[in-house]
Amino acid sequence: MTISDLIYQAQKASEPVFGVDISKLSKKILFNSEENDIRALFRYVKEIKPDDRLPLDSILNYNMMFEISKSHFNPTLRPFVGAYFADFTFFDFENSNYPELSYFVEVMFDIMMYFKSSPCFQTSLLGYIYLLAKEILPYEEDCFHNFFLIDFSESPFTVESIKHFKLVIENGNVRFIFKDYDMSLLDTFELLINKKKFIDFLQQKHSLNKIQRTNNVISSILSNL
């Protein structure tokens, strides 16, 4: 299984599906704040066929094989994992010693939704990432942030949360980085799930065994993002 496989399986189960006009986007005006405004970027969004596989082959880390547990995938994310991530958001980050991790959890919840079919599957950010991996477009952070918001939400908290992330493009790999710690998704996730107060909070609802099994599956995915 690869990240590309998981996305394709979720996409096929969704209708309608929206992506970007990759040819048109590849010619966009660069390093211009007006062109990177979210409403300007909406010009590149179009409906795509659910069974048209996204051209993610050039993103090397999206095509690395890894094993996932079938207890939580069938073959896309089961609703439990989405609910499990939603549980994360109920933790009182504001009054903890790590309030900044609330931004991480918000974005993580959204990213994981790429692997779970929904009534309106959005993939515009993935089209942008493809062009970055191919070195057809240079990285523009506001463009990255706004394509993320197109796919997920323009709510005030999501708008603030995505500002704490950047993409790093190197040798065909495109990685999400949590800027507060300058760490990958996987490293930040592992830091979070090793916080005793956070695990104690999750154990109010889930068994430690279930938490550990699910975290192992999530870590496998994050290692490729």
C-alpha atoms as a PDB file:
ATOM      1  CA  MET A   1       0.000   0.000   0.000  1.00  0.00           C
ATOM      2  CA  THR A   2       1.159   3.573  -0.696  1.00  0.00           C
ATOM      3  CA  ILE A   3      -0.165   7.046   0.133  1.00  0.00           C
ATOM      4  CA  SER A   4      -1.124   7.361  -3.536  1.00  0.00           C
ATOM      5  CA  ASP A   5      -3.095   4.074  -3.307  1.00  0.00           C
ATOM      6  CA  LEU A   6      -4.998   5.203  -0.207  1.00  0.00           C
ATOM      7  CA  ILE A   7      -5.911   8.539  -1.769  1.00  0.00           C
ATOM      8  CA  TYR A   8      -7.083   6.841  -4.959  1.00  0.00           C
ATOM      9  CA  GLN A   9      -9.285   4.388  -3.055  1.00  0.00           C
ATOM     10  CA  ALA A  10     -10.921   7.215  -1.127  1.00  0.00           C
ATOM     11  CA  GLN A  11     -11.347   9.267  -4.300  1.00  0.00           C
ATOM     12  CA  LYS A  12     -13.072   6.411  -6.150  1.00  0.00           C
ATOM     13  CA  ALA A  13     -15.590   6.130  -3.315  1.00  0.00           C
ATOM     14  CA  SER A  14     -16.476   9.832  -3.525  1.00  0.00           C
ATOM     15  CA  GLU A  15     -18.722  11.866  -5.791  1.00  0.00           C
ATOM     16  CA  PRO A  16     -18.310  14.588  -6.749  1.00  0.00           C
ATOM     17  CA  VAL A  17     -14.532  14.974  -6.645  1.00  0.00           C
ATOM     18  CA  PHE A  18     -12.705  18.261  -7.104  1.00  0.00           C
ATOM     19  CA  GLY A  19      -9.074  18.845  -8.018  1.00  0.00           C
ATOM     20  CA  VAL A  20      -7.154  21.449  -9.982  1.00  0.00           C
ATOM     21  CA  ASP A  21      -6.513  22.066 -13.640  1.00  0.00           C
ATOM     22  CA  ILE A  22      -2.854  21.082 -13.448  1.00  0.00           C
ATOM     23  CA  SER A  23      -1.974  22.436 -16.897  1.00  0.00           C
ATOM     24  CA  LYS A  24      -3.538  25.806 -16.104  1.00  0.00           C
ATOM     25  CA  LEU A  25      -2.041  25.971 -12.611  1.00  0.00           C
ATOM     26  CA  SER A  26       1.448  25.231 -13.968  1.00  0.00           C
ATOM     27  CA  LYS A  27       1.310  28.576 -15.776  1.00  0.00           C
ATOM     28  CA  LYS A  28       0.140  30.712 -12.866  1.00  0.00           C
ATOM     29  CA  ILE A  29       1.805  34.058 -12.149  1.00  0.00           C
ATOM     30  CA  LEU A  30       4.446  33.555  -9.459  1.00  0.00           C
ATOM     31  CA  PHE A  31       5.212  35.375  -6.223  1.00  0.00           C
ATOM     32  CA  ASN A  32       2.226  37.651  -6.484  1.00  0.00           C
ATOM     33  CA  SER A  33       0.025  38.100  -3.419  1.00  0.00           C
ATOM     34  CA  GLU A  34      -3.104  38.734  -5.482  1.00  0.00           C
ATOM     35  CA  GLU A  35      -2.541  35.562  -7.540  1.00  0.00           C
ATOM     36  CA  ASN A  36      -2.058  33.551  -4.333  1.00  0.00           C
ATOM     37  CA  ASP A  37      -5.230  34.884  -2.724  1.00  0.00           C
ATOM     38  CA  ILE A  38      -7.622  32.040  -1.993  1.00  0.00           C
ATOM     39  CA  ARG A  39     -10.306  33.437  -4.296  1.00  0.00           C
ATOM     40  CA  ALA A  40      -7.813  33.721  -7.144  1.00  0.00           C
ATOM     41  CA  LEU A  41      -6.671  30.127  -6.592  1.00  0.00           C
ATOM     42  CA  PHE A  42     -10.269  28.930  -6.831  1.00  0.00           C
ATOM     43  CA  ARG A  43      -9.974  29.662 -10.570  1.00  0.00           C
ATOM     44  CA  TYR A  44      -7.852  26.531 -10.908  1.00  0.00           C
ATOM     45  CA  VAL A  45     -10.311  24.204  -9.157  1.00  0.00           C
ATOM     46  CA  LYS A  46     -12.395  21.907 -11.325  1.00  0.00           C
ATOM     47  CA  GLU A  47     -14.467  18.760 -10.985  1.00  0.00           C
ATOM     48  CA  ILE A  48     -12.579  15.591 -11.892  1.00  0.00           C
ATOM     49  CA  LYS A  49     -13.720  12.029 -12.522  1.00  0.00           C
ATOM     50  CA  PRO A  50     -13.665   9.862  -9.378  1.00  0.00           C
ATOM     51  CA  ASP A  51     -11.812   7.053 -11.175  1.00  0.00           C
ATOM     52  CA  ASP A  52      -9.159   9.298 -12.756  1.00  0.00           C
ATOM     53  CA  ARG A  53      -6.087   8.592 -10.649  1.00  0.00           C
ATOM     54  CA  LEU A  54      -4.259  11.735  -9.589  1.00  0.00           C
ATOM     55  CA  PRO A  55      -0.772  12.069 -11.131  1.00  0.00           C
ATOM     56  CA  LEU A  56       1.076  11.614  -7.846  1.00  0.00           C
ATOM     57  CA  ASP A  57       3.755   9.326  -9.276  1.00  0.00           C
ATOM     58  CA  SER A  58       6.422  12.046  -9.164  1.00  0.00           C
ATOM     59  CA  ILE A  59       5.989  12.522  -5.397  1.00  0.00           C
ATOM     60  CA  LEU A  60       8.416   9.841  -4.235  1.00  0.00           C
ATOM     61  CA  ASN A  61       7.293   9.616  -0.601  1.00  0.00           C
ATOM     62  CA  TYR A  62       3.674   9.175  -1.747  1.00  0.00           C
ATOM     63  CA  ASN A  63       4.710   6.036  -3.629  1.00  0.00           C
ATOM     64  CA  MET A  64       6.772   4.234  -0.995  1.00  0.00           C
ATOM     65  CA  MET A  65       5.285   0.891  -0.019  1.00  0.00           C
ATOM     66  CA  PHE A  66       4.316   0.368   3.617  1.00  0.00           C
ATOM     67  CA  GLU A  67       2.185  -2.059   5.574  1.00  0.00           C
ATOM     68  CA  ILE A  68      -0.989  -1.064   7.384  1.00  0.00           C
ATOM     69  CA  SER A  69      -3.162  -2.894   9.849  1.00  0.00           C
ATOM     70  CA  LYS A  70      -6.400  -4.198   8.379  1.00  0.00           C
ATOM     71  CA  SER A  71      -8.014  -3.860  11.803  1.00  0.00           C
ATOM     72  CA  HIS A  72      -8.420  -0.138  11.112  1.00  0.00           C
ATOM     73  CA  PHE A  73      -8.363   0.007   7.287  1.00  0.00           C
ATOM     74  CA  ASN A  74     -10.781  -1.638   4.915  1.00  0.00           C
ATOM     75  CA  PRO A  75      -8.915  -0.546   2.766  1.00  0.00           C
ATOM     76  CA  THR A  76      -9.430   3.171   3.474  1.00  0.00           C
ATOM     77  CA  LEU A  77      -9.625   4.656   6.951  1.00  0.00           C
ATOM     78  CA  ARG A  78     -12.536   3.347   8.959  1.00  0.00           C
ATOM     79  CA  PRO A  79     -14.809   5.946  10.598  1.00  0.00           C
ATOM     80  CA  PHE A  80     -13.227   5.036  13.938  1.00  0.00           C
ATOM     81  CA  VAL A  81      -9.929   6.673  13.043  1.00  0.00           C
ATOM     82  CA  GLY A  82     -11.659   9.923  12.092  1.00  0.00           C
ATOM     83  CA  ALA A  83     -13.552   9.841  15.385  1.00  0.00           C
ATOM     84  CA  TYR A  84     -10.311   9.045  17.203  1.00  0.00           C
ATOM     85  CA  PHE A  85      -8.674  12.158  15.782  1.00  0.00           C
ATOM     86  CA  ALA A  86     -11.745  14.179  16.693  1.00  0.00           C
ATOM     87  CA  ASP A  87     -11.191  13.038  20.294  1.00  0.00           C
ATOM     88  CA  PHE A  88      -7.777  14.707  20.166  1.00  0.00           C
ATOM     89  CA  THR A  89      -9.421  18.098  19.725  1.00  0.00           C
ATOM     90  CA  PHE A  90     -11.240  17.832  23.071  1.00  0.00           C
ATOM     91  CA  PHE A  91      -7.977  17.881  25.022  1.00  0.00           C
ATOM     92  CA  ASP A  92      -7.392  21.163  26.872  1.00  0.00           C
ATOM     93  CA  PHE A  93      -4.330  22.284  24.970  1.00  0.00           C
ATOM     94  CA  GLU A  94      -4.793  25.916  25.997  1.00  0.00           C
ATOM     95  CA  ASN A  95      -4.127  25.154  29.650  1.00  0.00           C
ATOM     96  CA  SER A  96      -1.442  22.536  29.006  1.00  0.00           C
ATOM     97  CA  ASN A  97       2.306  22.966  28.716  1.00  0.00           C
ATOM     98  CA  TYR A  98       2.065  22.575  24.934  1.00  0.00           C
ATOM     99  CA  PRO A  99      -0.808  24.777  23.635  1.00  0.00           C
ATOM    100  CA  GLU A 100       0.850  25.027  20.202  1.00  0.00           C
ATOM    101  CA  LEU A 101       0.050  21.358  19.589  1.00  0.00           C
ATOM    102  CA  SER A 102      -3.599  22.314  19.161  1.00  0.00           C
ATOM    103  CA  TYR A 103      -2.549  23.742  15.773  1.00  0.00           C
ATOM    104  CA  PHE A 104      -0.830  20.483  14.921  1.00  0.00           C
ATOM    105  CA  VAL A 105      -3.909  18.431  15.823  1.00  0.00           C
ATOM    106  CA  GLU A 106      -6.199  20.647  13.731  1.00  0.00           C
ATOM    107  CA  VAL A 107      -4.097  20.214  10.593  1.00  0.00           C
ATOM    108  CA  MET A 108      -3.443  16.525  11.272  1.00  0.00           C
ATOM    109  CA  PHE A 109      -7.178  15.854  11.500  1.00  0.00           C
ATOM    110  CA  ASP A 110      -7.665  17.499   8.103  1.00  0.00           C
ATOM    111  CA  ILE A 111      -4.762  15.717   6.409  1.00  0.00           C
ATOM    112  CA  MET A 112      -6.021  12.320   7.531  1.00  0.00           C
ATOM    113  CA  MET A 113      -9.336  13.066   5.827  1.00  0.00           C
ATOM    114  CA  TYR A 114      -7.564  12.655   2.471  1.00  0.00           C
ATOM    115  CA  PHE A 115      -7.691   8.918   3.186  1.00  0.00           C
ATOM    116  CA  LYS A 116     -11.355   8.744   4.135  1.00  0.00           C
ATOM    117  CA  SER A 117     -14.033   9.146   1.484  1.00  0.00           C
ATOM    118  CA  SER A 118     -16.503  11.975   1.967  1.00  0.00           C
ATOM    119  CA  PRO A 119     -19.440  13.403   0.008  1.00  0.00           C
ATOM    120  CA  CYS A 120     -17.232  16.057  -1.593  1.00  0.00           C
ATOM    121  CA  PHE A 121     -13.651  14.896  -1.973  1.00  0.00           C
ATOM    122  CA  GLN A 122     -11.203  17.784  -2.446  1.00  0.00           C
ATOM    123  CA  THR A 123      -7.722  17.263  -3.878  1.00  0.00           C
ATOM    124  CA  SER A 124      -6.559  20.703  -5.023  1.00  0.00           C
ATOM    125  CA  LEU A 125      -3.586  20.765  -2.631  1.00  0.00           C
ATOM    126  CA  LEU A 126      -2.417  17.403  -3.984  1.00  0.00           C
ATOM    127  CA  GLY A 127      -2.338  18.807  -7.522  1.00  0.00           C
ATOM    128  CA  TYR A 128      -0.228  21.714  -6.267  1.00  0.00           C
ATOM    129  CA  ILE A 129       2.133  19.317  -4.432  1.00  0.00           C
ATOM    130  CA  TYR A 130       2.539  17.318  -7.654  1.00  0.00           C
ATOM    131  CA  LEU A 131       3.752  20.444  -9.469  1.00  0.00           C
ATOM    132  CA  LEU A 132       6.209  21.159  -6.643  1.00  0.00           C
ATOM    133  CA  ALA A 133       7.635  17.633  -6.782  1.00  0.00           C
ATOM    134  CA  LYS A 134       8.069  17.924 -10.569  1.00  0.00           C
ATOM    135  CA  GLU A 135       9.779  21.311 -10.044  1.00  0.00           C
ATOM    136  CA  ILE A 136       7.271  22.865 -12.446  1.00  0.00           C
ATOM    137  CA  LEU A 137       6.291  25.409  -9.779  1.00  0.00           C
ATOM    138  CA  PRO A 138       8.450  26.911  -7.028  1.00  0.00           C
ATOM    139  CA  TYR A 139       7.203  26.716  -3.449  1.00  0.00           C
ATOM    140  CA  GLU A 140       5.141  29.701  -2.301  1.00  0.00           C
ATOM    141  CA  GLU A 141       4.023  29.363   1.291  1.00  0.00           C
ATOM    142  CA  ASP A 142       0.857  31.444   0.981  1.00  0.00           C
ATOM    143  CA  CYS A 143      -0.126  29.387  -2.072  1.00  0.00           C
ATOM    144  CA  PHE A 144       0.361  26.178  -0.057  1.00  0.00           C
ATOM    145  CA  HIS A 145      -1.671  27.535   2.857  1.00  0.00           C
ATOM    146  CA  ASN A 146      -4.549  28.649   0.663  1.00  0.00           C
ATOM    147  CA  PHE A 147      -4.801  25.407  -1.310  1.00  0.00           C
ATOM    148  CA  PHE A 148      -4.978  23.619   2.044  1.00  0.00           C
ATOM    149  CA  LEU A 149      -7.857  25.888   3.093  1.00  0.00           C
ATOM    150  CA  ILE A 150      -9.669  25.272  -0.217  1.00  0.00           C
ATOM    151  CA  ASP A 151      -9.586  21.535   0.462  1.00  0.00           C
ATOM    152  CA  PHE A 152     -10.618  21.689   4.101  1.00  0.00           C
ATOM    153  CA  SER A 153     -11.941  24.835   5.746  1.00  0.00           C
ATOM    154  CA  GLU A 154     -11.602  28.596   5.968  1.00  0.00           C
ATOM    155  CA  SER A 155     -12.636  28.618   9.623  1.00  0.00           C
ATOM    156  CA  PRO A 156     -10.589  31.073  11.732  1.00  0.00           C
ATOM    157  CA  PHE A 157      -8.854  28.305  13.683  1.00  0.00           C
ATOM    158  CA  THR A 158      -7.912  26.356  10.555  1.00  0.00           C
ATOM    159  CA  VAL A 159      -6.617  29.554   8.947  1.00  0.00           C
ATOM    160  CA  GLU A 160      -4.408  30.140  11.990  1.00  0.00           C
ATOM    161  CA  SER A 161      -3.343  26.502  12.297  1.00  0.00           C
ATOM    162  CA  ILE A 162      -2.048  26.039   8.757  1.00  0.00           C
ATOM    163  CA  LYS A 163       0.245  29.048   9.250  1.00  0.00           C
ATOM    164  CA  HIS A 164       2.251  26.806  11.599  1.00  0.00           C
ATOM    165  CA  PHE A 165       3.139  24.469   8.723  1.00  0.00           C
ATOM    166  CA  LYS A 166       5.372  24.555   5.680  1.00  0.00           C
ATOM    167  CA  LEU A 167       6.338  22.141   2.934  1.00  0.00           C
ATOM    168  CA  VAL A 168       9.900  21.011   2.293  1.00  0.00           C
ATOM    169  CA  ILE A 169      10.635  19.797  -1.236  1.00  0.00           C
ATOM    170  CA  GLU A 170      13.792  17.788  -1.797  1.00  0.00           C
ATOM    171  CA  ASN A 171      14.744  15.192  -4.404  1.00  0.00           C
ATOM    172  CA  GLY A 172      11.152  14.479  -5.409  1.00  0.00           C
ATOM    173  CA  ASN A 173       9.920  14.208  -1.815  1.00  0.00           C
ATOM    174  CA  VAL A 174       7.407  16.705  -0.416  1.00  0.00           C
ATOM    175  CA  ARG A 175       7.086  16.739   3.373  1.00  0.00           C
ATOM    176  CA  PHE A 176       4.845  18.603   5.786  1.00  0.00           C
ATOM    177  CA  ILE A 177       6.826  20.308   8.575  1.00  0.00           C
ATOM    178  CA  PHE A 178       5.399  21.668  11.843  1.00  0.00           C
ATOM    179  CA  LYS A 179       7.217  24.999  12.042  1.00  0.00           C
ATOM    180  CA  ASP A 180       6.902  25.486  15.815  1.00  0.00           C
ATOM    181  CA  TYR A 181       9.239  22.531  16.379  1.00  0.00           C
ATOM    182  CA  ASP A 182      10.776  22.304  12.902  1.00  0.00           C
ATOM    183  CA  MET A 183       9.715  18.662  12.925  1.00  0.00           C
ATOM    184  CA  SER A 184       8.016  16.257  10.541  1.00  0.00           C
ATOM    185  CA  LEU A 185       4.431  15.116  11.012  1.00  0.00           C
ATOM    186  CA  LEU A 186       5.627  11.767  12.327  1.00  0.00           C
ATOM    187  CA  ASP A 187       8.077  13.219  14.841  1.00  0.00           C
ATOM    188  CA  THR A 188       5.536  15.738  16.104  1.00  0.00           C
ATOM    189  CA  PHE A 189       2.835  13.078  16.375  1.00  0.00           C
ATOM    190  CA  GLU A 190       5.147  10.799  18.350  1.00  0.00           C
ATOM    191  CA  LEU A 191       6.011  13.667  20.661  1.00  0.00           C
ATOM    192  CA  LEU A 192       2.312  14.311  21.245  1.00  0.00           C
ATOM    193  CA  ILE A 193       1.349  10.718  21.956  1.00  0.00           C
ATOM    194  CA  ASN A 194       4.180  10.403  24.459  1.00  0.00           C
ATOM    195  CA  LYS A 195       2.753  13.204  26.612  1.00  0.00           C
ATOM    196  CA  LYS A 196       1.485  11.435  29.738  1.00  0.00           C
ATOM    197  CA  LYS A 197      -1.395  13.847  30.328  1.00  0.00           C
ATOM    198  CA  PHE A 198      -2.519  13.433  26.745  1.00  0.00           C
ATOM    199  CA  ILE A 199      -2.457   9.630  26.908  1.00  0.00           C
ATOM    200  CA  ASP A 200      -4.266   9.737  30.261  1.00  0.00           C
ATOM    201  CA  PHE A 201      -6.919  11.864  28.547  1.00  0.00           C
ATOM    202  CA  LEU A 202      -7.334   9.369  25.680  1.00  0.00           C
ATOM    203  CA  GLN A 203      -7.560   6.470  28.119  1.00  0.00           C
ATOM    204  CA  GLN A 204     -10.695   7.974  29.579  1.00  0.00           C
ATOM    205  CA  LYS A 205     -12.392   6.775  26.385  1.00  0.00           C
ATOM    206  CA  HIS A 206     -10.140   4.109  24.811  1.00  0.00           C
ATOM    207  CA  SER A 207      -8.089   1.188  26.080  1.00  0.00           C
ATOM    208  CA  LEU A 208      -4.328   1.628  26.020  1.00  0.00           C
ATOM    209  CA  ASN A 209      -4.045  -1.352  23.660  1.00  0.00           C
ATOM    210  CA  LYS A 210      -6.465   0.233  21.177  1.00  0.00           C
ATOM    211  CA  ILE A 211      -4.650   3.566  21.444  1.00  0.00           C
ATOM    212  CA  GLN A 212      -1.283   1.958  20.744  1.00  0.00           C
ATOM    213  CA  ARG A 213      -2.543  -0.112  17.795  1.00  0.00           C
ATOM    214  CA  THR A 214      -4.211   2.887  16.192  1.00  0.00           C
ATOM    215  CA  ASN A 215      -1.203   5.127  16.789  1.00  0.00           C
ATOM    216  CA  ASN A 216       1.031   2.562  15.079  1.00  0.00           C
ATOM    217  CA  VAL A 217      -1.180   2.636  11.975  1.00  0.00           C
ATOM    218  CA  ILE A 218      -1.250   6.437  11.936  1.00  0.00           C
ATOM    219  CA  SER A 219       2.530   6.588  12.377  1.00  0.00           C
ATOM    220  CA  SER A 220       2.958   4.339   9.329  1.00  0.00           C
ATOM    221  CA  ILE A 221       1.018   6.827   7.220  1.00  0.00           C
ATOM    222  CA  LEU A 222       2.751   9.885   8.645  1.00  0.00           C
ATOM    223  CA  SER A 223       6.175   8.441   7.927  1.00  0.00           C
ATOM    224  CA  ASN A 224       5.290   8.899   4.249  1.00  0.00           C
ATOM    225  CA  LEU A 225       3.982  12.448   4.522  1.00  0.00           C
END
